[in-house]
Amino acid sequence: MNIKPLADRVLVKPAAAEEKTVGGIIIPDSAKEKPLKGEVVAVGNGTKDEEMVVKTGDSVLYGKYAGTEIELEGEQYLIMRQSDILAII
């Protein structure tokens, strides 16, 4: 991949949404909750005030409305600030 986030930004590939059924009813994609975890694909260099703590390959948890959705080479990604990441798992 040829993308490098700037400053304190992180590129995250969200985990796939889990298939759920309720009493035999399959929930459509539009009603599924977005996953709140993913894998860090690329990180920026940080800023003079904020050192980058996450690194490529980390599994992370992030907030429900964190980041901006982008599509690269047919794959969905989120680009967000490191401060939007809640935890490394």
PDB file of N, CA and C in Angstrom:
ATOM      1  N   MET A   1       0.849  -1.169   0.000  1.00  0.00           N
ATOM      2  CA  MET A   1       0.000   0.000   0.000  1.00  0.00           C
ATOM      3  C   MET A   1       0.896   1.233   0.000  1.00  0.00           C
ATOM      4  N   ASN A   2       0.461   2.246  -0.711  1.00  0.00           N
ATOM      5  CA  ASN A   2       1.279   3.433  -0.877  1.00  0.00           C
ATOM      6  C   ASN A   2       0.619   4.645  -0.221  1.00  0.00           C
ATOM      7  N   ILE A   3       0.349   4.556   1.076  1.00  0.00           N
ATOM      8  CA  ILE A   3      -0.242   5.675   1.801  1.00  0.00           C
ATOM      9  C   ILE A   3       0.479   5.824   3.131  1.00  0.00           C
ATOM     10  N   LYS A   4       0.806   7.063   3.478  1.00  0.00           N
ATOM     11  CA  LYS A   4       1.499   7.357   4.729  1.00  0.00           C
ATOM     12  C   LYS A   4       0.736   8.456   5.451  1.00  0.00           C
ATOM     13  N   PRO A   5       0.096   8.138   6.583  1.00  0.00           N
ATOM     14  CA  PRO A   5      -0.614   9.162   7.339  1.00  0.00           C
ATOM     15  C   PRO A   5       0.356  10.242   7.830  1.00  0.00           C
ATOM     16  N   LEU A   6      -0.144  11.460   7.965  1.00  0.00           N
ATOM     17  CA  LEU A   6       0.673  12.567   8.428  1.00  0.00           C
ATOM     18  C   LEU A   6       0.470  12.812   9.917  1.00  0.00           C
ATOM     19  N   ALA A   7       1.474  13.390  10.533  1.00  0.00           N
ATOM     20  CA  ALA A   7       1.454  13.810  11.937  1.00  0.00           C
ATOM     21  C   ALA A   7       1.012  12.673  12.859  1.00  0.00           C
ATOM     22  N   ASP A   8      -0.066  12.895  13.639  1.00  0.00           N
ATOM     23  CA  ASP A   8      -0.493  11.893  14.621  1.00  0.00           C
ATOM     24  C   ASP A   8      -1.669  11.060  14.127  1.00  0.00           C
ATOM     25  N   ARG A   9      -1.760  10.891  12.817  1.00  0.00           N
ATOM     26  CA  ARG A   9      -2.869  10.106  12.251  1.00  0.00           C
ATOM     27  C   ARG A   9      -2.469   8.646  12.053  1.00  0.00           C
ATOM     28  N   VAL A  10      -3.502   7.790  12.070  1.00  0.00           N
ATOM     29  CA  VAL A  10      -3.321   6.341  11.985  1.00  0.00           C
ATOM     30  C   VAL A  10      -4.309   5.792  10.969  1.00  0.00           C
ATOM     31  N   LEU A  11      -3.881   4.851  10.122  1.00  0.00           N
ATOM     32  CA  LEU A  11      -4.761   4.172   9.174  1.00  0.00           C
ATOM     33  C   LEU A  11      -5.113   2.811   9.756  1.00  0.00           C
ATOM     34  N   VAL A  12      -6.426   2.554   9.922  1.00  0.00           N
ATOM     35  CA  VAL A  12      -6.905   1.334  10.572  1.00  0.00           C
ATOM     36  C   VAL A  12      -7.808   0.570   9.621  1.00  0.00           C
ATOM     37  N   LYS A  13      -7.604  -0.750   9.539  1.00  0.00           N
ATOM     38  CA  LYS A  13      -8.512  -1.619   8.785  1.00  0.00           C
ATOM     39  C   LYS A  13      -9.489  -2.211   9.797  1.00  0.00           C
ATOM     40  N   PRO A  14     -10.782  -1.811   9.705  1.00  0.00           N
ATOM     41  CA  PRO A  14     -11.771  -2.317  10.671  1.00  0.00           C
ATOM     42  C   PRO A  14     -11.947  -3.831  10.557  1.00  0.00           C
ATOM     43  N   ALA A  15     -12.223  -4.467  11.699  1.00  0.00           N
ATOM     44  CA  ALA A  15     -12.528  -5.894  11.711  1.00  0.00           C
ATOM     45  C   ALA A  15     -13.874  -6.095  11.026  1.00  0.00           C
ATOM     46  N   ALA A  16     -14.083  -7.248  10.442  1.00  0.00           N
ATOM     47  CA  ALA A  16     -15.344  -7.549   9.764  1.00  0.00           C
ATOM     48  C   ALA A  16     -16.489  -7.591  10.768  1.00  0.00           C
ATOM     49  N   ALA A  17     -17.643  -7.091  10.369  1.00  0.00           N
ATOM     50  CA  ALA A  17     -18.825  -7.128  11.234  1.00  0.00           C
ATOM     51  C   ALA A  17     -19.268  -8.575  11.404  1.00  0.00           C
ATOM     52  N   GLU A  18     -19.636  -8.927  12.619  1.00  0.00           N
ATOM     53  CA  GLU A  18     -20.055 -10.295  12.898  1.00  0.00           C
ATOM     54  C   GLU A  18     -21.473 -10.536  12.388  1.00  0.00           C
ATOM     55  N   GLU A  19     -21.701 -11.736  11.859  1.00  0.00           N
ATOM     56  CA  GLU A  19     -23.051 -12.133  11.429  1.00  0.00           C
ATOM     57  C   GLU A  19     -23.871 -12.472  12.658  1.00  0.00           C
ATOM     58  N   LYS A  20     -25.026 -11.854  12.777  1.00  0.00           N
ATOM     59  CA  LYS A  20     -25.898 -12.148  13.915  1.00  0.00           C
ATOM     60  C   LYS A  20     -27.288 -12.484  13.395  1.00  0.00           C
ATOM     61  N   THR A  21     -27.897 -13.423  14.061  1.00  0.00           N
ATOM     62  CA  THR A  21     -29.284 -13.732  13.748  1.00  0.00           C
ATOM     63  C   THR A  21     -30.079 -13.623  15.031  1.00  0.00           C
ATOM     64  N   VAL A  22     -31.304 -13.180  14.900  1.00  0.00           N
ATOM     65  CA  VAL A  22     -32.178 -13.043  16.048  1.00  0.00           C
ATOM     66  C   VAL A  22     -33.375 -13.944  15.802  1.00  0.00           C
ATOM     67  N   GLY A  23     -33.433 -15.067  16.495  1.00  0.00           N
ATOM     68  CA  GLY A  23     -34.561 -15.986  16.343  1.00  0.00           C
ATOM     69  C   GLY A  23     -34.745 -16.459  14.913  1.00  0.00           C
ATOM     70  N   GLY A  24     -33.646 -16.672  14.189  1.00  0.00           N
ATOM     71  CA  GLY A  24     -33.715 -17.143  12.819  1.00  0.00           C
ATOM     72  C   GLY A  24     -33.840 -16.038  11.790  1.00  0.00           C
ATOM     73  N   ILE A  25     -33.921 -14.772  12.229  1.00  0.00           N
ATOM     74  CA  ILE A  25     -34.001 -13.650  11.302  1.00  0.00           C
ATOM     75  C   ILE A  25     -32.597 -13.107  11.079  1.00  0.00           C
ATOM     76  N   ILE A  26     -32.195 -13.019   9.840  1.00  0.00           N
ATOM     77  CA  ILE A  26     -30.869 -12.487   9.521  1.00  0.00           C
ATOM     78  C   ILE A  26     -30.960 -10.970   9.453  1.00  0.00           C
ATOM     79  N   ILE A  27     -30.064 -10.310  10.168  1.00  0.00           N
ATOM     80  CA  ILE A  27     -30.063  -8.848  10.215  1.00  0.00           C
ATOM     81  C   ILE A  27     -29.349  -8.318   8.967  1.00  0.00           C
ATOM     82  N   PRO A  28     -29.957  -7.394   8.215  1.00  0.00           N
ATOM     83  CA  PRO A  28     -29.330  -6.870   7.004  1.00  0.00           C
ATOM     84  C   PRO A  28     -28.088  -6.032   7.312  1.00  0.00           C
ATOM     85  N   ASP A  29     -27.221  -5.889   6.304  1.00  0.00           N
ATOM     86  CA  ASP A  29     -25.979  -5.148   6.479  1.00  0.00           C
ATOM     87  C   ASP A  29     -26.209  -3.729   6.977  1.00  0.00           C
ATOM     88  N   SER A  30     -27.260  -3.084   6.514  1.00  0.00           N
ATOM     89  CA  SER A  30     -27.522  -1.702   6.898  1.00  0.00           C
ATOM     90  C   SER A  30     -27.847  -1.561   8.382  1.00  0.00           C
ATOM     91  N   ALA A  31     -28.293  -2.622   9.026  1.00  0.00           N
ATOM     92  CA  ALA A  31     -28.660  -2.561  10.439  1.00  0.00           C
ATOM     93  C   ALA A  31     -27.553  -3.072  11.357  1.00  0.00           C
ATOM     94  N   LYS A  32     -26.481  -3.608  10.786  1.00  0.00           N
ATOM     95  CA  LYS A  32     -25.394  -4.132  11.607  1.00  0.00           C
ATOM     96  C   LYS A  32     -24.613  -2.987  12.237  1.00  0.00           C
ATOM     97  N   GLU A  33     -24.155  -3.225  13.457  1.00  0.00           N
ATOM     98  CA  GLU A  33     -23.332  -2.229  14.118  1.00  0.00           C
ATOM     99  C   GLU A  33     -21.927  -2.282  13.542  1.00  0.00           C
ATOM    100  N   LYS A  34     -21.315  -1.116  13.439  1.00  0.00           N
ATOM    101  CA  LYS A  34     -19.948  -1.059  12.948  1.00  0.00           C
ATOM    102  C   LYS A  34     -19.023  -1.694  13.978  1.00  0.00           C
ATOM    103  N   PRO A  35     -17.987  -2.378  13.517  1.00  0.00           N
ATOM    104  CA  PRO A  35     -17.027  -2.929  14.473  1.00  0.00           C
ATOM    105  C   PRO A  35     -16.276  -1.790  15.146  1.00  0.00           C
ATOM    106  N   LEU A  36     -15.896  -1.982  16.380  1.00  0.00           N
ATOM    107  CA  LEU A  36     -15.178  -0.955  17.112  1.00  0.00           C
ATOM    108  C   LEU A  36     -13.734  -1.368  17.363  1.00  0.00           C
ATOM    109  N   LYS A  37     -13.264  -2.342  16.584  1.00  0.00           N
ATOM    110  CA  LYS A  37     -11.866  -2.728  16.689  1.00  0.00           C
ATOM    111  C   LYS A  37     -11.311  -2.950  15.295  1.00  0.00           C
ATOM    112  N   GLY A  38     -10.009  -2.906  15.188  1.00  0.00           N
ATOM    113  CA  GLY A  38      -9.373  -3.083  13.900  1.00  0.00           C
ATOM    114  C   GLY A  38      -7.868  -3.231  14.057  1.00  0.00           C
ATOM    115  N   GLU A  39      -7.193  -3.303  12.918  1.00  0.00           N
ATOM    116  CA  GLU A  39      -5.741  -3.470  12.901  1.00  0.00           C
ATOM    117  C   GLU A  39      -5.101  -2.233  12.287  1.00  0.00           C
ATOM    118  N   VAL A  40      -4.046  -1.748  12.930  1.00  0.00           N
ATOM    119  CA  VAL A  40      -3.322  -0.587  12.434  1.00  0.00           C
ATOM    120  C   VAL A  40      -2.511  -1.005  11.214  1.00  0.00           C
ATOM    121  N   VAL A  41      -2.720  -0.289  10.101  1.00  0.00           N
ATOM    122  CA  VAL A  41      -2.046  -0.599   8.845  1.00  0.00           C
ATOM    123  C   VAL A  41      -0.860   0.334   8.605  1.00  0.00           C
ATOM    124  N   ALA A  42      -1.006   1.605   8.997  1.00  0.00           N
ATOM    125  CA  ALA A  42       0.067   2.588   8.811  1.00  0.00           C
ATOM    126  C   ALA A  42      -0.073   3.672   9.873  1.00  0.00           C
ATOM    127  N   VAL A  43       1.053   4.259  10.263  1.00  0.00           N
ATOM    128  CA  VAL A  43       1.048   5.337  11.261  1.00  0.00           C
ATOM    129  C   VAL A  43       1.879   6.508  10.765  1.00  0.00           C
ATOM    130  N   GLY A  44       1.532   7.706  11.253  1.00  0.00           N
ATOM    131  CA  GLY A  44       2.312   8.893  10.947  1.00  0.00           C
ATOM    132  C   GLY A  44       3.531   8.978  11.853  1.00  0.00           C
ATOM    133  N   ASN A  45       4.276  10.069  11.744  1.00  0.00           N
ATOM    134  CA  ASN A  45       5.499  10.244  12.532  1.00  0.00           C
ATOM    135  C   ASN A  45       5.254  10.864  13.898  1.00  0.00           C
ATOM    136  N   GLY A  46       4.040  11.316  14.166  1.00  0.00           N
ATOM    137  CA  GLY A  46       3.737  11.976  15.425  1.00  0.00           C
ATOM    138  C   GLY A  46       3.988  13.472  15.298  1.00  0.00           C
ATOM    139  N   THR A  47       3.805  14.174  16.396  1.00  0.00           N
ATOM    140  CA  THR A  47       4.069  15.609  16.434  1.00  0.00           C
ATOM    141  C   THR A  47       5.082  15.876  17.531  1.00  0.00           C
ATOM    142  N   LYS A  48       5.544  17.122  17.615  1.00  0.00           N
ATOM    143  CA  LYS A  48       6.525  17.431  18.661  1.00  0.00           C
ATOM    144  C   LYS A  48       5.905  17.307  20.044  1.00  0.00           C
ATOM    145  N   ASP A  49       4.575  17.433  20.136  1.00  0.00           N
ATOM    146  CA  ASP A  49       3.886  17.330  21.419  1.00  0.00           C
ATOM    147  C   ASP A  49       3.370  15.931  21.722  1.00  0.00           C
ATOM    148  N   GLU A  50       3.222  15.091  20.691  1.00  0.00           N
ATOM    149  CA  GLU A  50       2.635  13.763  20.893  1.00  0.00           C
ATOM    150  C   GLU A  50       3.453  12.693  20.179  1.00  0.00           C
ATOM    151  N   GLU A  51       4.041  11.802  20.968  1.00  0.00           N
ATOM    152  CA  GLU A  51       4.806  10.682  20.427  1.00  0.00           C
ATOM    153  C   GLU A  51       3.844   9.584  20.008  1.00  0.00           C
ATOM    154  N   MET A  52       4.141   8.908  18.904  1.00  0.00           N
ATOM    155  CA  MET A  52       3.280   7.820  18.442  1.00  0.00           C
ATOM    156  C   MET A  52       3.488   6.587  19.330  1.00  0.00           C
ATOM    157  N   VAL A  53       2.397   6.103  19.910  1.00  0.00           N
ATOM    158  CA  VAL A  53       2.430   4.945  20.795  1.00  0.00           C
ATOM    159  C   VAL A  53       2.051   3.681  20.023  1.00  0.00           C
ATOM    160  N   VAL A  54       1.078   3.804  19.118  1.00  0.00           N
ATOM    161  CA  VAL A  54       0.654   2.641  18.332  1.00  0.00           C
ATOM    162  C   VAL A  54       1.635   2.411  17.185  1.00  0.00           C
ATOM    163  N   LYS A  55       1.683   1.158  16.735  1.00  0.00           N
ATOM    164  CA  LYS A  55       2.562   0.823  15.609  1.00  0.00           C
ATOM    165  C   LYS A  55       1.819  -0.102  14.652  1.00  0.00           C
ATOM    166  N   THR A  56       2.339  -0.244  13.474  1.00  0.00           N
ATOM    167  CA  THR A  56       1.737  -1.098  12.464  1.00  0.00           C
ATOM    168  C   THR A  56       1.585  -2.521  13.004  1.00  0.00           C
ATOM    169  N   GLY A  57       0.403  -3.098  12.793  1.00  0.00           N
ATOM    170  CA  GLY A  57       0.133  -4.459  13.246  1.00  0.00           C
ATOM    171  C   GLY A  57      -0.596  -4.541  14.566  1.00  0.00           C
ATOM    172  N   ASP A  58      -0.681  -3.428  15.316  1.00  0.00           N
ATOM    173  CA  ASP A  58      -1.406  -3.435  16.586  1.00  0.00           C
ATOM    174  C   ASP A  58      -2.899  -3.623  16.356  1.00  0.00           C
ATOM    175  N   SER A  59      -3.555  -4.383  17.234  1.00  0.00           N
ATOM    176  CA  SER A  59      -5.020  -4.464  17.248  1.00  0.00           C
ATOM    177  C   SER A  59      -5.500  -3.409  18.225  1.00  0.00           C
ATOM    178  N   VAL A  60      -6.449  -2.593  17.785  1.00  0.00           N
ATOM    179  CA  VAL A  60      -6.884  -1.461  18.605  1.00  0.00           C
ATOM    180  C   VAL A  60      -8.403  -1.398  18.737  1.00  0.00           C
ATOM    181  N   LEU A  61      -8.861  -0.734  19.787  1.00  0.00           N
ATOM    182  CA  LEU A  61     -10.265  -0.401  19.994  1.00  0.00           C
ATOM    183  C   LEU A  61     -10.392   1.097  19.796  1.00  0.00           C
ATOM    184  N   TYR A  62     -11.462   1.536  19.121  1.00  0.00           N
ATOM    185  CA  TYR A  62     -11.661   2.956  18.890  1.00  0.00           C
ATOM    186  C   TYR A  62     -13.122   3.309  19.117  1.00  0.00           C
ATOM    187  N   GLY A  63     -13.397   4.604  19.226  1.00  0.00           N
ATOM    188  CA  GLY A  63     -14.748   5.087  19.497  1.00  0.00           C
ATOM    189  C   GLY A  63     -15.686   4.850  18.328  1.00  0.00           C
ATOM    190  N   LYS A  64     -16.975   4.836  18.615  1.00  0.00           N
ATOM    191  CA  LYS A  64     -18.003   4.527  17.620  1.00  0.00           C
ATOM    192  C   LYS A  64     -17.986   5.478  16.431  1.00  0.00           C
ATOM    193  N   TYR A  65     -17.725   6.753  16.666  1.00  0.00           N
ATOM    194  CA  TYR A  65     -17.741   7.740  15.587  1.00  0.00           C
ATOM    195  C   TYR A  65     -16.338   8.230  15.229  1.00  0.00           C
ATOM    196  N   ALA A  66     -15.320   7.472  15.573  1.00  0.00           N
ATOM    197  CA  ALA A  66     -13.936   7.879  15.335  1.00  0.00           C
ATOM    198  C   ALA A  66     -13.564   7.746  13.862  1.00  0.00           C
ATOM    199  N   GLY A  67     -12.766   8.668  13.398  1.00  0.00           N
ATOM    200  CA  GLY A  67     -12.150   8.556  12.086  1.00  0.00           C
ATOM    201  C   GLY A  67     -13.044   8.889  10.908  1.00  0.00           C
ATOM    202  N   THR A  68     -12.403   8.874   9.757  1.00  0.00           N
ATOM    203  CA  THR A  68     -13.052   9.129   8.479  1.00  0.00           C
ATOM    204  C   THR A  68     -12.908   7.884   7.619  1.00  0.00           C
ATOM    205  N   GLU A  69     -14.020   7.419   7.063  1.00  0.00           N
ATOM    206  CA  GLU A  69     -13.981   6.224   6.223  1.00  0.00           C
ATOM    207  C   GLU A  69     -13.402   6.568   4.863  1.00  0.00           C
ATOM    208  N   ILE A  70     -12.480   5.737   4.385  1.00  0.00           N
ATOM    209  CA  ILE A  70     -11.920   5.886   3.045  1.00  0.00           C
ATOM    210  C   ILE A  70     -11.848   4.509   2.400  1.00  0.00           C
ATOM    211  N   GLU A  71     -11.799   4.488   1.077  1.00  0.00           N
ATOM    212  CA  GLU A  71     -11.678   3.233   0.344  1.00  0.00           C
ATOM    213  C   GLU A  71     -10.399   3.283  -0.485  1.00  0.00           C
ATOM    214  N   LEU A  72      -9.547   2.283  -0.307  1.00  0.00           N
ATOM    215  CA  LEU A  72      -8.305   2.169  -1.050  1.00  0.00           C
ATOM    216  C   LEU A  72      -8.216   0.784  -1.657  1.00  0.00           C
ATOM    217  N   GLU A  73      -8.017   0.721  -2.954  1.00  0.00           N
ATOM    218  CA  GLU A  73      -7.862  -0.553  -3.659  1.00  0.00           C
ATOM    219  C   GLU A  73      -8.993  -1.520  -3.328  1.00  0.00           C
ATOM    220  N   GLY A  74     -10.222  -1.003  -3.230  1.00  0.00           N
ATOM    221  CA  GLY A  74     -11.393  -1.836  -2.978  1.00  0.00           C
ATOM    222  C   GLY A  74     -11.589  -2.249  -1.533  1.00  0.00           C
ATOM    223  N   GLU A  75     -10.739  -1.808  -0.616  1.00  0.00           N
ATOM    224  CA  GLU A  75     -10.847  -2.147   0.805  1.00  0.00           C
ATOM    225  C   GLU A  75     -11.278  -0.913   1.589  1.00  0.00           C
ATOM    226  N   GLN A  76     -12.045  -1.126   2.661  1.00  0.00           N
ATOM    227  CA  GLN A  76     -12.484  -0.033   3.528  1.00  0.00           C
ATOM    228  C   GLN A  76     -11.474   0.178   4.651  1.00  0.00           C
ATOM    229  N   TYR A  77     -11.150   1.438   4.941  1.00  0.00           N
ATOM    230  CA  TYR A  77     -10.233   1.799   6.012  1.00  0.00           C
ATOM    231  C   TYR A  77     -10.792   2.997   6.760  1.00  0.00           C
ATOM    232  N   LEU A  78     -10.240   3.238   7.939  1.00  0.00           N
ATOM    233  CA  LEU A  78     -10.526   4.443   8.706  1.00  0.00           C
ATOM    234  C   LEU A  78      -9.218   5.180   8.928  1.00  0.00           C
ATOM    235  N   ILE A  79      -9.239   6.487   8.757  1.00  0.00           N
ATOM    236  CA  ILE A  79      -8.076   7.281   9.112  1.00  0.00           C
ATOM    237  C   ILE A  79      -8.492   8.165  10.273  1.00  0.00           C
ATOM    238  N   MET A  80      -7.720   8.111  11.364  1.00  0.00           N
ATOM    239  CA  MET A  80      -8.102   8.813  12.593  1.00  0.00           C
ATOM    240  C   MET A  80      -6.865   9.301  13.317  1.00  0.00           C
ATOM    241  N   ARG A  81      -7.082  10.190  14.252  1.00  0.00           N
ATOM    242  CA  ARG A  81      -5.993  10.644  15.110  1.00  0.00           C
ATOM    243  C   ARG A  81      -5.698   9.555  16.135  1.00  0.00           C
ATOM    244  N   GLN A  82      -4.453   9.519  16.569  1.00  0.00           N
ATOM    245  CA  GLN A  82      -4.068   8.540  17.585  1.00  0.00           C
ATOM    246  C   GLN A  82      -4.927   8.711  18.850  1.00  0.00           C
ATOM    247  N   SER A  83      -5.318   9.939  19.163  1.00  0.00           N
ATOM    248  CA  SER A  83      -6.118  10.193  20.367  1.00  0.00           C
ATOM    249  C   SER A  83      -7.526   9.586  20.284  1.00  0.00           C
ATOM    250  N   ASP A  84      -7.993   9.234  19.064  1.00  0.00           N
ATOM    251  CA  ASP A  84      -9.289   8.569  18.909  1.00  0.00           C
ATOM    252  C   ASP A  84      -9.236   7.092  19.275  1.00  0.00           C
ATOM    253  N   ILE A  85      -8.037   6.555  19.397  1.00  0.00           N
ATOM    254  CA  ILE A  85      -7.861   5.143  19.767  1.00  0.00           C
ATOM    255  C   ILE A  85      -7.975   5.027  21.280  1.00  0.00           C
ATOM    256  N   LEU A  86      -8.830   4.115  21.734  1.00  0.00           N
ATOM    257  CA  LEU A  86      -9.090   3.950  23.161  1.00  0.00           C
ATOM    258  C   LEU A  86      -8.118   2.996  23.832  1.00  0.00           C
ATOM    259  N   ALA A  87      -7.710   1.920  23.124  1.00  0.00           N
ATOM    260  CA  ALA A  87      -6.844   0.917  23.733  1.00  0.00           C
ATOM    261  C   ALA A  87      -6.167   0.070  22.672  1.00  0.00           C
ATOM    262  N   ILE A  88      -5.052  -0.507  23.036  1.00  0.00           N
ATOM    263  CA  ILE A  88      -4.363  -1.511  22.210  1.00  0.00           C
ATOM    264  C   ILE A  88      -4.654  -2.866  22.841  1.00  0.00           C
ATOM    265  N   ILE A  89      -5.087  -3.844  22.016  1.00  0.00           N
ATOM    266  CA  ILE A  89      -5.382  -5.179  22.561  1.00  0.00           C
ATOM    267  C   ILE A  89      -4.308  -6.148  22.136  1.00  0.00           C
TER     268      ILE A  89
END
